[in-house]
Amino acid sequence: MRILHVTHQYPPDYIGGVELYTQTVARAQAAAGQRVAVFTHDAAAIPTGARGDSSHRRDGDIDIYAVQSTPASANRRFLATFSHKTAASAFAHVLAHFQPDLVHIQHLMGLPTALVDELTARRIPFVVTLHDYWWGCANAQLLTNDGAQICRGPDALYLNCTRCAVARAGAPRPSRTAALAMPLVSPLMARRAQLLRQLLARAAHLITPTNFVANWHQAQGMATARLSVLPLGVERPPQMPVRTREAQAPLRFTYIGSLAWQKGLHTLLAAFTQVQGDASLWIAGDPNTDAIYAQSLNQMADARVHFLGKLDRQQVWHTLAQTDMVVAPSLCYESFSLLVHEAFVAGVPVLASRLGALAEVVHDGIDGMLAAPGDMEAWRTALQSVVDQPEQLAPLRAGIRAPLTVEAHVDKLMEIYAEVLRANATLGQDQEAE
């Protein structure tokens, strides 16, 4: 089978959840004997005449086609949904050259919906993984720019989306600029929603990592009749580090991830500094993601808090092997949470926000605990209970069920592909008969 993945970014220049997932799946499929390629965009791409405006390189057995683009601002990424002639032209060249049997769209941020027109013209079926909420929320995280509040999704006239977009563009609210922009931006937000809904309606199959994500898209009225909930596969280390916790060492809580406001680390620190007893908190993440926020976290911390900086994959697993409990205090709707699933692979229970997919994947009292998001006292109480009664961790560890492996995930993915191709072949035969 010839499989083409489409994603907004790809390693090594961009390392995020979708990027790493795409690379992991593509490599697993190539190792299983499939012919695999990735179409993405890259500001450093050098165009080659044979393939229009895209460059070509290899990632092991995978062909990487990157459309040349300028570094995109948030506004340019938004507008690219409507039109990006360079990307559309490059995509047409890649389709003609690679000739995929099936296309798997991982993310389209910064890429045009016109890519799907090329697939339709060539009768190439495509599936879409809804990794986050971008298909209904231009911010992708369902957090407002003007108030940093959780959003349920667009209102009837997209006025809330418009306010969010204006705030993201930097216009103060209220301001004359914001007032003038509102009637201009609102139709754009409505048009964006229409284009993406039409795209999803044309997909042969939709995939979501959790029921929460599936239910949210269904509540938005998107075409989800052909939808599968398929948890992401979690890549195991070649050799799992041996658990190295000393019996008399301070109880250790660990957070690994982005040092960003929406991850709720300020709530976690405010709560932890009020906890009494022998405990420590490790926080791992790149302090340069949001330097001002990272600095504020340092100012809140006491001597029991240790900032580890950015960890590589091996360091993540070694850190988890020294951890008693992982913490995930998010203030936004997580769609899957790789941190939680990696903790479970390592046999570590999780204390998480009772919010979004976190409340789906962490089972309170079975493999972890849940606390109200943003509620400092609720988090302090939960942390203190673990410090006071560490014996409750043993039954939580025993209640952990191993997440899906990458291999098992890819096997299920290939089953979906095969079903899509069978249906597409039948449709093609019916159209020829007519």
Protein backbone atom coordinates (compact mmCIF):
# COMPACT_ATOMS: atom_id res chain seq x y z
CA MET A 1 0.00 0.00 0.00
CA ARG A 2 1.22 3.51 -0.82
CA ILE A 3 0.34 5.84 2.07
CA LEU A 4 0.76 9.62 2.11
CA HIS A 5 0.49 11.44 5.45
CA VAL A 6 -0.32 15.17 5.42
CA THR A 7 0.66 17.25 8.41
CA HIS A 8 1.37 20.90 9.20
CA GLN A 9 4.86 20.23 10.61
CA TYR A 10 7.34 17.39 10.91
CA PRO A 11 10.46 16.53 12.95
CA PRO A 12 13.26 17.34 13.50
CA ASP A 13 12.50 21.04 13.04
CA TYR A 14 9.14 20.76 14.79
CA ILE A 15 8.54 18.41 17.70
CA GLY A 16 5.02 18.28 19.07
CA GLY A 17 2.41 15.63 19.70
CA VAL A 18 1.03 15.45 16.15
CA GLU A 19 4.49 15.69 14.60
CA LEU A 20 5.92 12.85 16.72
CA TYR A 21 2.82 10.72 16.19
CA THR A 22 3.02 11.14 12.40
CA GLN A 23 6.69 10.22 12.36
CA THR A 24 6.18 7.22 14.65
CA VAL A 25 3.27 5.82 12.61
CA ALA A 26 5.00 6.48 9.28
CA ARG A 27 8.13 4.68 10.45
CA ALA A 28 6.13 1.72 11.76
CA GLN A 29 4.21 1.43 8.50
CA ALA A 30 7.42 1.62 6.45
CA ALA A 31 9.04 -1.03 8.65
CA ALA A 32 6.03 -3.28 7.96
CA GLY A 33 6.67 -3.04 4.22
CA GLN A 34 4.35 -0.20 3.18
CA ARG A 35 5.54 2.60 0.88
CA VAL A 36 5.15 5.75 2.97
CA ALA A 37 5.57 9.48 2.35
CA VAL A 38 4.78 12.68 4.24
CA PHE A 39 3.64 16.03 2.81
CA THR A 40 4.27 19.01 5.06
CA HIS A 41 5.55 22.57 4.86
CA ASP A 42 8.86 23.98 5.98
CA ALA A 43 10.33 27.48 5.87
CA ALA A 44 13.74 25.99 5.08
CA ALA A 45 12.54 23.88 2.14
CA ILE A 46 14.47 24.39 -1.10
CA PRO A 47 12.24 23.75 -4.13
CA THR A 48 13.27 21.21 -6.73
CA GLY A 49 12.21 21.73 -10.34
CA ALA A 50 10.95 18.17 -10.74
CA ARG A 51 8.37 18.59 -8.00
CA GLY A 52 7.13 22.12 -8.36
CA ASP A 53 7.46 24.12 -5.14
CA SER A 54 8.36 21.25 -2.81
CA SER A 55 11.63 19.81 -1.61
CA HIS A 56 12.35 16.13 -1.13
CA ARG A 57 14.40 14.30 1.49
CA ARG A 58 14.40 10.93 3.19
CA ASP A 59 13.68 10.04 6.79
CA GLY A 60 14.91 6.46 6.77
CA ASP A 61 12.51 4.64 4.44
CA ILE A 62 10.05 7.56 4.34
CA ASP A 63 9.86 10.19 1.59
CA ILE A 64 9.40 13.69 3.01
CA TYR A 65 7.98 16.33 0.67
CA ALA A 66 8.07 19.83 2.16
CA VAL A 67 6.43 22.78 0.46
CA GLN A 68 8.46 25.94 0.63
CA SER A 69 6.86 28.60 2.83
CA THR A 70 7.78 31.69 4.77
CA PRO A 71 7.68 31.55 8.57
CA ALA A 72 3.98 31.88 9.24
CA SER A 73 2.30 34.14 11.76
CA ALA A 74 -0.94 33.04 13.39
CA ASN A 75 -2.85 35.24 10.94
CA ARG A 76 -1.13 33.71 7.90
CA ARG A 77 -1.81 30.19 9.15
CA PHE A 78 -5.46 31.13 9.54
CA LEU A 79 -5.73 32.61 6.04
CA ALA A 80 -3.94 29.63 4.46
CA THR A 81 -7.07 27.54 5.07
CA PHE A 82 -8.80 29.58 2.36
CA SER A 83 -5.96 29.74 -0.14
CA HIS A 84 -2.32 28.71 -0.41
CA LYS A 85 -1.53 28.37 -4.11
CA THR A 86 2.06 27.28 -3.54
CA ALA A 87 0.99 24.43 -1.28
CA ALA A 88 -1.81 23.33 -3.61
CA SER A 89 0.54 23.28 -6.60
CA ALA A 90 3.22 21.37 -4.69
CA PHE A 91 0.65 18.87 -3.43
CA ALA A 92 -0.55 18.18 -6.98
CA HIS A 93 3.04 17.46 -8.03
CA VAL A 94 3.56 15.12 -5.05
CA LEU A 95 0.37 13.20 -5.82
CA ALA A 96 1.42 12.77 -9.45
CA HIS A 97 4.89 11.61 -8.43
CA PHE A 98 4.13 9.42 -5.40
CA GLN A 99 0.68 8.17 -6.52
CA PRO A 100 -0.70 7.20 -3.09
CA ASP A 101 -3.45 4.65 -2.66
CA LEU A 102 -4.68 6.51 0.40
CA VAL A 103 -3.98 9.83 2.14
CA HIS A 104 -4.07 10.25 5.92
CA ILE A 105 -4.57 13.88 6.97
CA GLN A 106 -3.03 14.42 10.41
CA HIS A 107 -3.35 18.23 10.52
CA LEU A 108 -4.07 21.04 8.06
CA MET A 109 -3.07 24.10 10.09
CA GLY A 110 -1.39 26.46 7.63
CA LEU A 111 -2.44 24.32 4.64
CA PRO A 112 -5.43 24.90 2.33
CA THR A 113 -8.61 22.85 2.15
CA ALA A 114 -8.01 22.88 -1.63
CA LEU A 115 -5.67 19.93 -1.09
CA VAL A 116 -8.78 17.77 -0.78
CA ASP A 117 -9.98 18.99 -4.19
CA GLU A 118 -6.84 17.41 -5.66
CA LEU A 119 -7.69 14.13 -3.92
CA THR A 120 -11.29 14.18 -5.12
CA ALA A 121 -10.21 14.87 -8.70
CA ARG A 122 -7.95 11.81 -8.60
CA ARG A 123 -10.44 9.64 -6.66
CA ILE A 124 -7.91 9.10 -3.88
CA PRO A 125 -9.68 8.32 -0.58
CA PHE A 126 -8.54 10.08 2.56
CA VAL A 127 -8.97 9.67 6.30
CA VAL A 128 -8.59 12.37 8.94
CA THR A 129 -7.40 12.08 12.52
CA LEU A 130 -8.96 14.78 14.70
CA HIS A 131 -5.99 15.18 17.04
CA ASP A 132 -7.37 18.34 18.65
CA TYR A 133 -10.17 20.90 18.31
CA TRP A 134 -8.68 22.93 15.44
CA TRP A 135 -11.37 21.77 13.02
CA GLY A 136 -13.92 23.77 15.01
CA CYS A 137 -11.64 26.18 16.89
CA ALA A 138 -8.97 28.24 15.16
CA ASN A 139 -7.04 28.25 18.44
CA ALA A 140 -7.15 24.43 18.50
CA GLN A 141 -7.31 24.37 22.32
CA LEU A 142 -10.76 25.85 23.03
CA LEU A 143 -9.25 28.63 25.11
CA THR A 144 -10.25 32.24 24.47
CA ASN A 145 -7.59 34.82 23.64
CA ASP A 146 -9.51 37.68 25.21
CA GLY A 147 -10.22 36.06 28.57
CA ALA A 148 -8.18 32.82 28.82
CA GLN A 149 -11.39 30.92 29.51
CA ILE A 150 -12.49 27.48 28.35
CA CYS A 151 -14.77 27.73 25.34
CA ARG A 152 -17.39 25.17 24.33
CA GLY A 153 -17.09 26.08 20.66
CA PRO A 154 -18.47 28.62 18.16
CA ASP A 155 -21.74 30.39 18.88
CA ALA A 156 -24.43 30.68 16.21
CA LEU A 157 -22.94 33.79 14.55
CA TYR A 158 -19.28 33.05 15.35
CA LEU A 159 -19.10 36.25 17.37
CA ASN A 160 -17.08 34.59 20.13
CA CYS A 161 -14.63 33.25 17.53
CA THR A 162 -14.39 36.74 16.06
CA ARG A 163 -13.59 38.30 19.45
CA CYS A 164 -10.96 35.62 19.96
CA ALA A 165 -9.38 36.23 16.55
CA VAL A 166 -9.30 40.00 17.04
CA ALA A 167 -7.66 39.57 20.43
CA ARG A 168 -5.09 37.17 18.98
CA ALA A 169 -4.22 39.75 16.32
CA GLY A 170 -3.27 42.09 19.16
CA ALA A 171 -6.16 44.56 19.15
CA PRO A 172 -7.00 45.73 22.70
CA ARG A 173 -10.56 45.18 23.84
CA PRO A 174 -12.53 47.34 23.83
CA SER A 175 -10.94 49.46 21.09
CA ARG A 176 -11.95 51.22 17.90
CA THR A 177 -9.79 48.78 15.92
CA ALA A 178 -11.53 45.79 17.46
CA ALA A 179 -14.96 47.30 16.79
CA LEU A 180 -14.12 47.92 13.13
CA ALA A 181 -12.66 44.44 12.67
CA MET A 182 -15.65 42.54 14.05
CA PRO A 183 -17.95 42.76 10.97
CA LEU A 184 -15.01 41.89 8.70
CA VAL A 185 -13.71 38.89 10.64
CA SER A 186 -17.02 37.24 11.50
CA PRO A 187 -17.78 36.16 7.89
CA LEU A 188 -14.26 34.75 7.64
CA MET A 189 -14.81 32.63 10.74
CA ALA A 190 -18.12 31.37 9.36
CA ARG A 191 -16.51 30.58 6.00
CA ARG A 192 -13.65 28.74 7.70
CA ALA A 193 -16.13 26.57 9.59
CA GLN A 194 -18.06 25.86 6.38
CA LEU A 195 -14.92 24.79 4.47
CA LEU A 196 -13.70 22.48 7.22
CA ARG A 197 -17.13 20.91 7.75
CA GLN A 198 -17.35 20.20 4.02
CA LEU A 199 -13.87 18.67 4.09
CA LEU A 200 -14.71 16.34 6.97
CA ALA A 201 -17.93 15.34 5.25
CA ARG A 202 -15.88 14.16 2.26
CA ALA A 203 -13.49 12.06 4.36
CA ALA A 204 -13.79 8.30 3.98
CA HIS A 205 -13.19 7.86 7.70
CA LEU A 206 -12.55 10.00 10.79
CA ILE A 207 -10.44 8.96 13.76
CA THR A 208 -10.24 10.47 17.24
CA PRO A 209 -7.93 9.51 20.13
CA THR A 210 -10.64 9.67 22.82
CA ASN A 211 -14.40 9.60 23.21
CA PHE A 212 -14.28 13.16 24.55
CA VAL A 213 -12.87 14.46 21.27
CA ALA A 214 -15.39 12.44 19.26
CA ASN A 215 -18.32 13.71 21.34
CA TRP A 216 -17.18 17.32 21.05
CA HIS A 217 -17.05 17.17 17.26
CA GLN A 218 -20.41 15.44 17.13
CA ALA A 219 -21.89 18.18 19.34
CA GLN A 220 -20.60 20.74 16.82
CA GLY A 221 -22.70 19.06 14.14
CA MET A 222 -19.79 17.76 12.12
CA ALA A 223 -20.19 14.73 9.87
CA THR A 224 -18.97 11.93 12.12
CA ALA A 225 -20.98 8.94 10.86
CA ARG A 226 -17.82 7.12 9.76
CA LEU A 227 -15.78 7.62 12.91
CA SER A 228 -13.57 5.38 15.03
CA VAL A 229 -12.19 6.13 18.48
CA LEU A 230 -8.65 4.79 18.35
CA PRO A 231 -6.29 5.65 21.24
CA LEU A 232 -2.82 6.60 20.11
CA GLY A 233 -0.12 4.00 20.46
CA VAL A 234 2.56 4.77 23.02
CA GLU A 235 6.13 4.03 22.01
CA ARG A 236 8.04 2.03 24.61
CA PRO A 237 11.77 2.53 25.26
CA PRO A 238 14.05 -0.26 24.00
CA GLN A 239 14.58 -1.20 27.63
CA MET A 240 12.38 0.11 30.41
CA PRO A 241 14.53 1.70 33.14
CA VAL A 242 14.44 -0.15 36.45
CA ARG A 243 12.46 1.67 39.11
CA THR A 244 15.05 3.39 41.31
CA ARG A 245 13.01 4.99 44.07
CA GLU A 246 14.55 4.62 47.52
CA ALA A 247 12.12 3.68 50.28
CA GLN A 248 13.08 6.61 52.53
CA ALA A 249 13.34 9.26 49.79
CA PRO A 250 10.85 12.15 49.77
CA LEU A 251 7.64 11.40 47.90
CA ARG A 252 8.17 12.62 44.37
CA PHE A 253 5.55 14.25 42.13
CA THR A 254 6.50 14.92 38.49
CA TYR A 255 5.20 17.05 35.64
CA ILE A 256 6.65 16.68 32.11
CA GLY A 257 5.43 18.84 29.26
CA SER A 258 4.94 22.38 28.06
CA LEU A 259 5.57 25.22 30.50
CA ALA A 260 2.52 27.15 29.40
CA TRP A 261 -0.29 28.85 31.31
CA GLN A 262 -2.99 26.52 30.04
CA LYS A 263 -1.18 23.55 31.59
CA GLY A 264 -2.08 24.89 35.06
CA LEU A 265 1.39 24.76 36.60
CA HIS A 266 0.77 27.92 38.60
CA THR A 267 -2.17 26.18 40.31
CA LEU A 268 0.02 23.14 40.96
CA LEU A 269 2.83 25.23 42.48
CA ALA A 270 0.47 27.30 44.61
CA ALA A 271 -1.00 24.06 45.96
CA PHE A 272 2.29 22.19 46.43
CA THR A 273 3.98 24.99 48.39
CA GLN A 274 1.15 24.65 50.95
CA VAL A 275 1.64 20.89 51.35
CA GLN A 276 3.21 19.74 54.61
CA GLY A 277 5.51 16.75 54.78
CA ASP A 278 8.42 15.09 53.04
CA ALA A 279 7.73 15.59 49.34
CA SER A 280 9.33 17.05 46.23
CA LEU A 281 8.01 18.28 42.89
CA TRP A 282 9.92 17.87 39.65
CA ILE A 283 8.93 20.00 36.66
CA ALA A 284 10.39 19.20 33.23
CA GLY A 285 9.85 21.39 30.18
CA ASP A 286 11.48 23.92 27.91
CA PRO A 287 11.66 27.26 29.78
CA ASN A 288 11.99 29.13 26.47
CA THR A 289 8.48 28.20 25.31
CA ASP A 290 7.11 31.06 27.41
CA ALA A 291 10.05 32.65 29.24
CA ILE A 292 7.92 35.09 31.23
CA TYR A 293 5.62 32.34 32.50
CA ALA A 294 8.59 30.07 33.27
CA GLN A 295 10.16 32.85 35.31
CA SER A 296 6.94 33.34 37.27
CA LEU A 297 6.93 29.63 38.10
CA ASN A 298 10.48 29.87 39.41
CA GLN A 299 9.44 32.75 41.63
CA MET A 300 6.57 30.70 43.09
CA ALA A 301 8.69 27.63 43.82
CA ASP A 302 10.17 26.70 47.19
CA ALA A 303 13.29 24.60 47.88
CA ARG A 304 11.40 21.32 47.31
CA VAL A 305 10.63 22.19 43.67
CA HIS A 306 13.20 21.18 41.03
CA PHE A 307 13.13 22.41 37.40
CA LEU A 308 14.72 19.85 35.10
CA GLY A 309 14.60 21.74 31.81
CA LYS A 310 13.84 20.04 28.51
CA LEU A 311 14.27 16.26 28.53
CA ASP A 312 15.06 13.91 25.67
CA ARG A 313 13.14 10.66 25.30
CA GLN A 314 15.59 8.59 27.35
CA GLN A 315 15.57 11.16 30.14
CA VAL A 316 11.77 11.10 30.22
CA TRP A 317 11.72 7.38 30.92
CA HIS A 318 14.47 7.61 33.56
CA THR A 319 12.59 10.46 35.27
CA LEU A 320 9.36 8.44 35.33
CA ALA A 321 11.27 5.52 36.88
CA GLN A 322 12.10 7.78 39.82
CA THR A 323 8.57 9.16 40.20
CA ASP A 324 5.85 8.23 42.68
CA MET A 325 3.03 10.15 41.00
CA VAL A 326 2.69 12.13 37.78
CA VAL A 327 0.66 15.35 37.87
CA ALA A 328 -1.35 16.81 34.97
CA PRO A 329 -3.06 20.02 36.18
CA SER A 330 -4.33 21.26 32.78
CA LEU A 331 -6.79 24.13 32.56
CA CYS A 332 -7.76 23.30 28.96
CA TYR A 333 -9.40 20.34 27.27
CA GLU A 334 -6.62 17.86 26.61
CA SER A 335 -7.44 15.56 23.70
CA PHE A 336 -5.28 12.59 24.74
CA SER A 337 -2.29 13.49 27.01
CA LEU A 338 0.84 11.59 26.07
CA LEU A 339 2.23 12.30 29.56
CA VAL A 340 -0.56 10.32 31.25
CA HIS A 341 -0.16 7.35 28.94
CA GLU A 342 3.63 7.30 29.29
CA ALA A 343 3.18 7.40 33.05
CA PHE A 344 0.94 4.34 32.80
CA VAL A 345 3.54 2.55 30.65
CA ALA A 346 6.04 3.23 33.44
CA GLY A 347 3.56 1.98 36.05
CA VAL A 348 3.10 5.42 37.66
CA PRO A 349 -0.34 6.62 38.83
CA VAL A 350 -1.54 10.10 37.82
CA LEU A 351 -3.19 13.02 39.58
CA ALA A 352 -5.01 14.98 36.86
CA SER A 353 -7.58 17.69 36.30
CA ARG A 354 -11.17 16.50 36.15
CA LEU A 355 -11.51 17.97 32.67
CA GLY A 356 -11.77 16.86 29.06
CA ALA A 357 -10.00 13.69 28.00
CA LEU A 358 -8.00 13.60 31.25
CA ALA A 359 -11.18 12.63 33.11
CA GLU A 360 -11.65 9.85 30.55
CA VAL A 361 -8.20 8.30 30.66
CA VAL A 362 -7.51 8.67 34.40
CA HIS A 363 -9.91 6.61 36.50
CA ASP A 364 -10.35 8.21 39.92
CA GLY A 365 -9.40 5.77 42.68
CA ILE A 366 -8.35 3.04 40.24
CA ASP A 367 -5.19 4.17 38.42
CA GLY A 368 -4.99 7.73 39.70
CA MET A 369 -6.87 10.66 41.20
CA LEU A 370 -8.81 13.63 39.79
CA ALA A 371 -9.04 17.19 41.12
CA ALA A 372 -10.99 20.25 40.01
CA PRO A 373 -9.04 22.25 37.40
CA GLY A 374 -7.65 25.55 38.63
CA ASP A 375 -8.83 24.92 42.20
CA MET A 376 -5.74 25.41 44.37
CA GLU A 377 -7.37 24.05 47.51
CA ALA A 378 -8.62 20.93 45.74
CA TRP A 379 -5.12 20.26 44.45
CA ARG A 380 -3.54 20.96 47.83
CA THR A 381 -5.95 18.49 49.46
CA ALA A 382 -5.21 15.80 46.87
CA LEU A 383 -1.44 16.25 47.11
CA GLN A 384 -1.54 16.31 50.91
CA SER A 385 -3.59 13.09 51.03
CA VAL A 386 -0.90 11.29 49.01
CA VAL A 387 1.88 12.65 51.24
CA ASP A 388 -0.02 11.67 54.39
CA GLN A 389 -1.04 8.24 53.09
CA PRO A 390 1.55 7.06 50.54
CA GLU A 391 0.30 3.51 50.98
CA GLN A 392 -2.64 4.38 48.67
CA LEU A 393 -0.21 4.51 45.74
CA ALA A 394 0.29 0.73 45.66
CA PRO A 395 -3.33 -0.15 44.76
CA LEU A 396 -3.34 2.69 42.20
CA ARG A 397 -0.24 1.21 40.56
CA ALA A 398 -1.93 -2.18 40.56
CA GLY A 399 -4.98 -0.68 38.83
CA ILE A 400 -3.01 0.63 35.84
CA ARG A 401 -3.77 -0.99 32.50
CA ALA A 402 -1.05 -0.76 29.86
CA PRO A 403 -1.89 1.64 27.01
CA LEU A 404 -2.02 0.50 23.40
CA THR A 405 1.37 -0.14 21.82
CA VAL A 406 2.41 1.59 18.61
CA GLU A 407 2.33 -1.77 16.83
CA ALA A 408 -1.23 -2.52 17.97
CA HIS A 409 -2.34 1.00 17.05
CA VAL A 410 -0.85 0.72 13.55
CA ASP A 411 -2.48 -2.69 13.06
CA LYS A 412 -5.89 -1.17 13.80
CA LEU A 413 -5.07 1.78 11.56
CA MET A 414 -4.22 -0.54 8.68
CA GLU A 415 -7.56 -2.31 9.17
CA ILE A 416 -9.32 1.05 8.75
CA TYR A 417 -7.25 1.78 5.62
CA ALA A 418 -8.13 -1.61 4.12
CA GLU A 419 -11.83 -1.04 4.77
CA VAL A 420 -11.64 2.41 3.15
CA LEU A 421 -9.87 1.04 0.08
CA ARG A 422 -12.43 -1.75 -0.32
CA ALA A 423 -15.28 0.75 -0.13
CA ASN A 424 -13.51 3.05 -2.59
CA ALA A 425 -12.99 0.21 -5.05
CA THR A 426 -16.67 -0.73 -4.84
CA LEU A 427 -17.68 2.91 -5.36
CA GLY A 428 -15.41 3.13 -8.38
CA GLN A 429 -16.94 0.02 -9.92
CA ASP A 430 -20.45 1.39 -9.36
CA GLN A 431 -19.55 4.71 -10.99
CA GLU A 432 -18.05 2.95 -14.02
CA ALA A 433 -21.20 0.82 -14.34
CA GLU A 434 -23.32 3.98 -14.50
